[in-house]
Each structure stands twice: as C-alpha cells, then as structure tokens.
Amino acid sequence: MPNRLRKFIGAILLLTLVMVWALLAMALAQSVLMNINGLVAGLYYFVAGIGWVLPAMPIISWMAKGDREKANAARAKAPV
C-alpha cells in the first residue's frame, strides 16, 4: 500500500476514534457521573481525556510502517 494512502486512511481512523471517544466519554459523564465527588470527576475526565491514546497507538504504528521499511531498506543499501 502506498505511504500516502496509508497515512490518509490512518488520519481518517484517528479522527473517527477521537470523535467517537469524546462522544462516549460525554455520554457516560452525563448519564452516570452526574452526582459524584469533584475528585472522582476530575480523575474520570483525566483518564477519559488521555485514554484515547492507547487505542490510537496501533493506528499510528501502522501508519509509520511504510516509513520504517523504507528507512531500513535505505540503511541496508548504504555503503559502510
């Protein structure tokens, strides 16, 4: 798959992930976490705010796969 297409698909997937994550986090906060302690709410919003990073890691890794392969091929061909 060409690098450009891989990065385009990855960008679409990342945007979709962030939008869905934010909507789910807001829905959960509005339905379940209405009357809770401020400390617990702050902890929830902290985890919900950075929690999307873990599912995004495989997408970013997949997007960078083509770059790594090209770098390794160039390194193998370089004179010593």
PDB file of N, CA and C in Angstrom:
ATOM      1  N   MET A   1       0.847  -1.172   0.000  1.00  0.00           N
ATOM      2  CA  MET A   1       0.000   0.000   0.000  1.00  0.00           C
ATOM      3  C   MET A   1       0.900   1.246   0.000  1.00  0.00           C
ATOM      4  N   PRO A   2       0.611   2.206  -0.827  1.00  0.00           N
ATOM      5  CA  PRO A   2       1.429   3.420  -0.852  1.00  0.00           C
ATOM      6  C   PRO A   2       1.358   4.182   0.477  1.00  0.00           C
ATOM      7  N   ASN A   3       2.463   4.826   0.810  1.00  0.00           N
ATOM      8  CA  ASN A   3       2.537   5.563   2.070  1.00  0.00           C
ATOM      9  C   ASN A   3       1.454   6.628   2.189  1.00  0.00           C
ATOM     10  N   ARG A   4       1.223   7.331   1.102  1.00  0.00           N
ATOM     11  CA  ARG A   4       0.227   8.405   1.134  1.00  0.00           C
ATOM     12  C   ARG A   4      -1.153   7.892   1.484  1.00  0.00           C
ATOM     13  N   LEU A   5      -1.533   6.772   0.877  1.00  0.00           N
ATOM     14  CA  LEU A   5      -2.843   6.182   1.150  1.00  0.00           C
ATOM     15  C   LEU A   5      -2.911   5.664   2.583  1.00  0.00           C
ATOM     16  N   ARG A   6      -1.836   5.039   3.052  1.00  0.00           N
ATOM     17  CA  ARG A   6      -1.796   4.523   4.413  1.00  0.00           C
ATOM     18  C   ARG A   6      -1.969   5.669   5.422  1.00  0.00           C
ATOM     19  N   LYS A   7      -1.317   6.788   5.191  1.00  0.00           N
ATOM     20  CA  LYS A   7      -1.420   7.923   6.109  1.00  0.00           C
ATOM     21  C   LYS A   7      -2.789   8.590   6.025  1.00  0.00           C
ATOM     22  N   PHE A   8      -3.368   8.625   4.834  1.00  0.00           N
ATOM     23  CA  PHE A   8      -4.711   9.186   4.692  1.00  0.00           C
ATOM     24  C   PHE A   8      -5.729   8.343   5.453  1.00  0.00           C
ATOM     25  N   ILE A   9      -5.672   7.035   5.268  1.00  0.00           N
ATOM     26  CA  ILE A   9      -6.592   6.136   5.974  1.00  0.00           C
ATOM     27  C   ILE A   9      -6.363   6.238   7.479  1.00  0.00           C
ATOM     28  N   GLY A  10      -5.111   6.285   7.906  1.00  0.00           N
ATOM     29  CA  GLY A  10      -4.801   6.416   9.326  1.00  0.00           C
ATOM     30  C   GLY A  10      -5.329   7.705   9.919  1.00  0.00           C
ATOM     31  N   ALA A  11      -5.227   8.797   9.171  1.00  0.00           N
ATOM     32  CA  ALA A  11      -5.745  10.080   9.667  1.00  0.00           C
ATOM     33  C   ALA A  11      -7.260  10.028   9.828  1.00  0.00           C
ATOM     34  N   ILE A  12      -7.944   9.409   8.868  1.00  0.00           N
ATOM     35  CA  ILE A  12      -9.402   9.253   8.967  1.00  0.00           C
ATOM     36  C   ILE A  12      -9.750   8.402  10.186  1.00  0.00           C
ATOM     37  N   LEU A  13      -9.021   7.309  10.388  1.00  0.00           N
ATOM     38  CA  LEU A  13      -9.270   6.439  11.537  1.00  0.00           C
ATOM     39  C   LEU A  13      -9.015   7.165  12.853  1.00  0.00           C
ATOM     40  N   LEU A  14      -7.958   7.945  12.923  1.00  0.00           N
ATOM     41  CA  LEU A  14      -7.657   8.682  14.149  1.00  0.00           C
ATOM     42  C   LEU A  14      -8.726   9.730  14.454  1.00  0.00           C
ATOM     43  N   LEU A  15      -9.160  10.455  13.437  1.00  0.00           N
ATOM     44  CA  LEU A  15     -10.220  11.439  13.653  1.00  0.00           C
ATOM     45  C   LEU A  15     -11.512  10.769  14.116  1.00  0.00           C
ATOM     46  N   THR A  16     -11.836   9.639  13.497  1.00  0.00           N
ATOM     47  CA  THR A  16     -13.037   8.903  13.893  1.00  0.00           C
ATOM     48  C   THR A  16     -12.919   8.403  15.328  1.00  0.00           C
ATOM     49  N   LEU A  17     -11.755   7.865  15.678  1.00  0.00           N
ATOM     50  CA  LEU A  17     -11.520   7.382  17.038  1.00  0.00           C
ATOM     51  C   LEU A  17     -11.703   8.500  18.056  1.00  0.00           C
ATOM     52  N   VAL A  18     -11.119   9.654  17.803  1.00  0.00           N
ATOM     53  CA  VAL A  18     -11.204  10.761  18.759  1.00  0.00           C
ATOM     54  C   VAL A  18     -12.651  11.250  18.890  1.00  0.00           C
ATOM     55  N   MET A  19     -13.365  11.346  17.785  1.00  0.00           N
ATOM     56  CA  MET A  19     -14.759  11.808  17.862  1.00  0.00           C
ATOM     57  C   MET A  19     -15.645  10.822  18.618  1.00  0.00           C
ATOM     58  N   VAL A  20     -15.496   9.540  18.303  1.00  0.00           N
ATOM     59  CA  VAL A  20     -16.307   8.525  18.987  1.00  0.00           C
ATOM     60  C   VAL A  20     -15.937   8.472  20.463  1.00  0.00           C
ATOM     61  N   TRP A  21     -14.644   8.542  20.765  1.00  0.00           N
ATOM     62  CA  TRP A  21     -14.181   8.505  22.159  1.00  0.00           C
ATOM     63  C   TRP A  21     -14.779   9.679  22.944  1.00  0.00           C
ATOM     64  N   ALA A  22     -14.726  10.873  22.356  1.00  0.00           N
ATOM     65  CA  ALA A  22     -15.249  12.055  23.037  1.00  0.00           C
ATOM     66  C   ALA A  22     -16.751  11.943  23.266  1.00  0.00           C
ATOM     67  N   LEU A  23     -17.485  11.464  22.269  1.00  0.00           N
ATOM     68  CA  LEU A  23     -18.936  11.318  22.429  1.00  0.00           C
ATOM     69  C   LEU A  23     -19.287  10.291  23.496  1.00  0.00           C
ATOM     70  N   LEU A  24     -18.568   9.181  23.513  1.00  0.00           N
ATOM     71  CA  LEU A  24     -18.824   8.168  24.545  1.00  0.00           C
ATOM     72  C   LEU A  24     -18.464   8.686  25.936  1.00  0.00           C
ATOM     73  N   ALA A  25     -17.365   9.401  26.047  1.00  0.00           N
ATOM     74  CA  ALA A  25     -16.960   9.956  27.343  1.00  0.00           C
ATOM     75  C   ALA A  25     -17.987  10.966  27.842  1.00  0.00           C
ATOM     76  N   MET A  26     -18.500  11.807  26.944  1.00  0.00           N
ATOM     77  CA  MET A  26     -19.517  12.781  27.346  1.00  0.00           C
ATOM     78  C   MET A  26     -20.823  12.093  27.737  1.00  0.00           C
ATOM     79  N   ALA A  27     -21.211  11.082  26.978  1.00  0.00           N
ATOM     80  CA  ALA A  27     -22.449  10.364  27.288  1.00  0.00           C
ATOM     81  C   ALA A  27     -22.347   9.675  28.644  1.00  0.00           C
ATOM     82  N   LEU A  28     -21.213   9.055  28.913  1.00  0.00           N
ATOM     83  CA  LEU A  28     -21.022   8.405  30.205  1.00  0.00           C
ATOM     84  C   LEU A  28     -21.034   9.429  31.333  1.00  0.00           C
ATOM     85  N   ALA A  29     -20.371  10.546  31.128  1.00  0.00           N
ATOM     86  CA  ALA A  29     -20.325  11.579  32.165  1.00  0.00           C
ATOM     87  C   ALA A  29     -21.720  12.137  32.440  1.00  0.00           C
ATOM     88  N   GLN A  30     -22.526  12.304  31.423  1.00  0.00           N
ATOM     89  CA  GLN A  30     -23.863  12.863  31.614  1.00  0.00           C
ATOM     90  C   GLN A  30     -24.843  11.861  32.210  1.00  0.00           C
ATOM     91  N   SER A  31     -24.669  10.588  31.911  1.00  0.00           N
ATOM     92  CA  SER A  31     -25.643   9.603  32.386  1.00  0.00           C
ATOM     93  C   SER A  31     -25.300   9.025  33.749  1.00  0.00           C
ATOM     94  N   VAL A  32     -24.049   8.761  34.000  1.00  0.00           N
ATOM     95  CA  VAL A  32     -23.670   8.041  35.216  1.00  0.00           C
ATOM     96  C   VAL A  32     -23.006   8.945  36.255  1.00  0.00           C
ATOM     97  N   LEU A  33     -22.238   9.894  35.818  1.00  0.00           N
ATOM     98  CA  LEU A  33     -21.390  10.643  36.734  1.00  0.00           C
ATOM     99  C   LEU A  33     -21.940  12.019  37.099  1.00  0.00           C
ATOM    100  N   MET A  34     -23.235  12.161  37.192  1.00  0.00           N
ATOM    101  CA  MET A  34     -23.818  13.472  37.462  1.00  0.00           C
ATOM    102  C   MET A  34     -23.578  13.943  38.900  1.00  0.00           C
ATOM    103  N   ASN A  35     -23.787  13.090  39.876  1.00  0.00           N
ATOM    104  CA  ASN A  35     -23.698  13.496  41.285  1.00  0.00           C
ATOM    105  C   ASN A  35     -22.563  12.765  41.982  1.00  0.00           C
ATOM    106  N   ILE A  36     -21.338  13.070  41.590  1.00  0.00           N
ATOM    107  CA  ILE A  36     -20.197  12.417  42.217  1.00  0.00           C
ATOM    108  C   ILE A  36     -19.256  13.466  42.792  1.00  0.00           C
ATOM    109  N   ASN A  37     -18.324  12.997  43.551  1.00  0.00           N
ATOM    110  CA  ASN A  37     -17.308  13.840  44.178  1.00  0.00           C
ATOM    111  C   ASN A  37     -16.473  14.538  43.099  1.00  0.00           C
ATOM    112  N   GLY A  38     -16.039  15.751  43.383  1.00  0.00           N
ATOM    113  CA  GLY A  38     -15.235  16.504  42.428  1.00  0.00           C
ATOM    114  C   GLY A  38     -13.915  15.833  42.107  1.00  0.00           C
ATOM    115  N   LEU A  39     -13.297  15.184  43.097  1.00  0.00           N
ATOM    116  CA  LEU A  39     -12.036  14.489  42.876  1.00  0.00           C
ATOM    117  C   LEU A  39     -12.223  13.302  41.928  1.00  0.00           C
ATOM    118  N   VAL A  40     -13.292  12.562  42.130  1.00  0.00           N
ATOM    119  CA  VAL A  40     -13.580  11.421  41.253  1.00  0.00           C
ATOM    120  C   VAL A  40     -13.894  11.909  39.840  1.00  0.00           C
ATOM    121  N   ALA A  41     -14.639  12.995  39.743  1.00  0.00           N
ATOM    122  CA  ALA A  41     -14.953  13.550  38.429  1.00  0.00           C
ATOM    123  C   ALA A  41     -13.680  14.018  37.728  1.00  0.00           C
ATOM    124  N   GLY A  42     -12.793  14.664  38.459  1.00  0.00           N
ATOM    125  CA  GLY A  42     -11.528  15.107  37.866  1.00  0.00           C
ATOM    126  C   GLY A  42     -10.701  13.935  37.385  1.00  0.00           C
ATOM    127  N   LEU A  43     -10.658  12.868  38.173  1.00  0.00           N
ATOM    128  CA  LEU A  43      -9.926  11.665  37.777  1.00  0.00           C
ATOM    129  C   LEU A  43     -10.547  11.051  36.520  1.00  0.00           C
ATOM    130  N   TYR A  44     -11.888  10.999  36.476  1.00  0.00           N
ATOM    131  CA  TYR A  44     -12.562  10.459  35.284  1.00  0.00           C
ATOM    132  C   TYR A  44     -12.213  11.283  34.050  1.00  0.00           C
ATOM    133  N   TYR A  45     -12.306  12.596  34.155  1.00  0.00           N
ATOM    134  CA  TYR A  45     -12.038  13.439  32.990  1.00  0.00           C
ATOM    135  C   TYR A  45     -10.576  13.369  32.566  1.00  0.00           C
ATOM    136  N   PHE A  46      -9.683  13.177  33.517  1.00  0.00           N
ATOM    137  CA  PHE A  46      -8.267  13.000  33.172  1.00  0.00           C
ATOM    138  C   PHE A  46      -8.070  11.707  32.378  1.00  0.00           C
ATOM    139  N   VAL A  47      -8.631  10.617  32.883  1.00  0.00           N
ATOM    140  CA  VAL A  47      -8.499   9.315  32.205  1.00  0.00           C
ATOM    141  C   VAL A  47      -9.216   9.343  30.854  1.00  0.00           C
ATOM    142  N   ALA A  48     -10.400   9.927  30.818  1.00  0.00           N
ATOM    143  CA  ALA A  48     -11.145   9.998  29.557  1.00  0.00           C
ATOM    144  C   ALA A  48     -10.433  10.910  28.557  1.00  0.00           C
ATOM    145  N   GLY A  49      -9.749  11.926  29.053  1.00  0.00           N
ATOM    146  CA  GLY A  49      -9.073  12.863  28.170  1.00  0.00           C
ATOM    147  C   GLY A  49      -7.839  12.296  27.507  1.00  0.00           C
ATOM    148  N   ILE A  50      -7.104  11.439  28.221  1.00  0.00           N
ATOM    149  CA  ILE A  50      -5.900  10.864  27.624  1.00  0.00           C
ATOM    150  C   ILE A  50      -6.067   9.389  27.257  1.00  0.00           C
ATOM    151  N   GLY A  51      -7.219   8.831  27.537  1.00  0.00           N
ATOM    152  CA  GLY A  51      -7.452   7.416  27.292  1.00  0.00           C
ATOM    153  C   GLY A  51      -7.461   7.020  25.835  1.00  0.00           C
ATOM    154  N   TRP A  52      -7.734   7.957  24.939  1.00  0.00           N
ATOM    155  CA  TRP A  52      -7.789   7.634  23.517  1.00  0.00           C
ATOM    156  C   TRP A  52      -6.408   7.325  22.957  1.00  0.00           C
ATOM    157  N   VAL A  53      -5.365   7.665  23.690  1.00  0.00           N
ATOM    158  CA  VAL A  53      -4.002   7.473  23.187  1.00  0.00           C
ATOM    159  C   VAL A  53      -3.683   5.983  23.032  1.00  0.00           C
ATOM    160  N   LEU A  54      -4.101   5.160  23.971  1.00  0.00           N
ATOM    161  CA  LEU A  54      -3.808   3.718  23.886  1.00  0.00           C
ATOM    162  C   LEU A  54      -4.416   3.065  22.643  1.00  0.00           C
ATOM    163  N   PRO A  55      -5.691   3.295  22.338  1.00  0.00           N
ATOM    164  CA  PRO A  55      -6.204   2.709  21.095  1.00  0.00           C
ATOM    165  C   PRO A  55      -5.619   3.350  19.836  1.00  0.00           C
ATOM    166  N   ALA A  56      -5.094   4.561  19.945  1.00  0.00           N
ATOM    167  CA  ALA A  56      -4.519   5.233  18.777  1.00  0.00           C
ATOM    168  C   ALA A  56      -3.124   4.708  18.439  1.00  0.00           C
ATOM    169  N   MET A  57      -2.431   4.126  19.403  1.00  0.00           N
ATOM    170  CA  MET A  57      -1.060   3.659  19.177  1.00  0.00           C
ATOM    171  C   MET A  57      -0.940   2.650  18.037  1.00  0.00           C
ATOM    172  N   PRO A  58      -1.798   1.630  17.954  1.00  0.00           N
ATOM    173  CA  PRO A  58      -1.677   0.698  16.819  1.00  0.00           C
ATOM    174  C   PRO A  58      -1.927   1.372  15.471  1.00  0.00           C
ATOM    175  N   ILE A  59      -2.823   2.348  15.438  1.00  0.00           N
ATOM    176  CA  ILE A  59      -3.090   3.049  14.179  1.00  0.00           C
ATOM    177  C   ILE A  59      -1.863   3.846  13.752  1.00  0.00           C
ATOM    178  N   ILE A  60      -1.259   4.553  14.692  1.00  0.00           N
ATOM    179  CA  ILE A  60      -0.071   5.341  14.381  1.00  0.00           C
ATOM    180  C   ILE A  60       1.082   4.434  13.973  1.00  0.00           C
ATOM    181  N   SER A  61       1.223   3.314  14.657  1.00  0.00           N
ATOM    182  CA  SER A  61       2.265   2.351  14.308  1.00  0.00           C
ATOM    183  C   SER A  61       2.056   1.816  12.889  1.00  0.00           C
ATOM    184  N   TRP A  62       0.818   1.513  12.537  1.00  0.00           N
ATOM    185  CA  TRP A  62       0.514   1.031  11.190  1.00  0.00           C
ATOM    186  C   TRP A  62       0.812   2.101  10.151  1.00  0.00           C
ATOM    187  N   MET A  63       0.497   3.352  10.470  1.00  0.00           N
ATOM    188  CA  MET A  63       0.763   4.444   9.540  1.00  0.00           C
ATOM    189  C   MET A  63       2.263   4.605   9.297  1.00  0.00           C
ATOM    190  N   ALA A  64       3.072   4.408  10.320  1.00  0.00           N
ATOM    191  CA  ALA A  64       4.521   4.612  10.211  1.00  0.00           C
ATOM    192  C   ALA A  64       5.246   3.396   9.657  1.00  0.00           C
ATOM    193  N   LYS A  65       4.544   2.293   9.456  1.00  0.00           N
ATOM    194  CA  LYS A  65       5.186   1.061   8.998  1.00  0.00           C
ATOM    195  C   LYS A  65       5.909   1.250   7.676  1.00  0.00           C
ATOM    196  N   GLY A  66       5.319   1.937   6.736  1.00  0.00           N
ATOM    197  CA  GLY A  66       5.948   2.162   5.444  1.00  0.00           C
ATOM    198  C   GLY A  66       7.213   2.991   5.562  1.00  0.00           C
ATOM    199  N   ASP A  67       7.212   3.979   6.447  1.00  0.00           N
ATOM    200  CA  ASP A  67       8.405   4.809   6.656  1.00  0.00           C
ATOM    201  C   ASP A  67       9.556   3.992   7.232  1.00  0.00           C
ATOM    202  N   ARG A  68       9.241   3.116   8.175  1.00  0.00           N
ATOM    203  CA  ARG A  68      10.284   2.276   8.775  1.00  0.00           C
ATOM    204  C   ARG A  68      10.874   1.324   7.750  1.00  0.00           C
ATOM    205  N   GLU A  69      10.010   0.741   6.895  1.00  0.00           N
ATOM    206  CA  GLU A  69      10.503  -0.193   5.877  1.00  0.00           C
ATOM    207  C   GLU A  69      11.431   0.521   4.901  1.00  0.00           C
ATOM    208  N   LYS A  70      11.088   1.732   4.492  1.00  0.00           N
ATOM    209  CA  LYS A  70      11.941   2.488   3.579  1.00  0.00           C
ATOM    210  C   LYS A  70      13.263   2.855   4.240  1.00  0.00           C
ATOM    211  N   ALA A  71      13.219   3.231   5.506  1.00  0.00           N
ATOM    212  CA  ALA A  71      14.447   3.593   6.218  1.00  0.00           C
ATOM    213  C   ALA A  71      15.358   2.383   6.370  1.00  0.00           C
ATOM    214  N   ASN A  72      14.778   1.225   6.681  1.00  0.00           N
ATOM    215  CA  ASN A  72      15.588   0.013   6.816  1.00  0.00           C
ATOM    216  C   ASN A  72      16.185  -0.400   5.477  1.00  0.00           C
ATOM    217  N   ALA A  73      15.446  -0.257   4.386  1.00  0.00           N
ATOM    218  CA  ALA A  73      15.955  -0.613   3.065  1.00  0.00           C
ATOM    219  C   ALA A  73      17.075   0.337   2.668  1.00  0.00           C
ATOM    220  N   ALA A  74      16.918   1.619   2.972  1.00  0.00           N
ATOM    221  CA  ALA A  74      17.954   2.598   2.636  1.00  0.00           C
ATOM    222  C   ALA A  74      19.218   2.351   3.468  1.00  0.00           C
ATOM    223  N   ARG A  75      19.024   1.970   4.716  1.00  0.00           N
ATOM    224  CA  ARG A  75      20.158   1.679   5.595  1.00  0.00           C
ATOM    225  C   ARG A  75      20.901   0.446   5.116  1.00  0.00           C
ATOM    226  N   ALA A  76      20.181  -0.542   4.591  1.00  0.00           N
ATOM    227  CA  ALA A  76      20.811  -1.769   4.122  1.00  0.00           C
ATOM    228  C   ALA A  76      21.617  -1.515   2.840  1.00  0.00           C
ATOM    229  N   LYS A  77      21.191  -0.568   2.026  1.00  0.00           N
ATOM    230  CA  LYS A  77      21.876  -0.281   0.775  1.00  0.00           C
ATOM    231  C   LYS A  77      23.027   0.708   0.949  1.00  0.00           C
ATOM    232  N   ALA A  78      23.081   1.380   2.073  1.00  0.00           N
ATOM    233  CA  ALA A  78      24.103   2.409   2.276  1.00  0.00           C
ATOM    234  C   ALA A  78      25.497   1.762   2.366  1.00  0.00           C
ATOM    235  N   PRO A  79      26.492   2.407   1.753  1.00  0.00           N
ATOM    236  CA  PRO A  79      27.855   1.852   1.845  1.00  0.00           C
ATOM    237  C   PRO A  79      28.398   1.994   3.259  1.00  0.00           C
ATOM    238  N   VAL A  80      29.190   1.043   3.637  1.00  0.00           N
ATOM    239  CA  VAL A  80      29.740   1.033   5.011  1.00  0.00           C
ATOM    240  C   VAL A  80      31.066   1.708   5.057  1.00  0.00           C
TER     241      VAL A  80
END
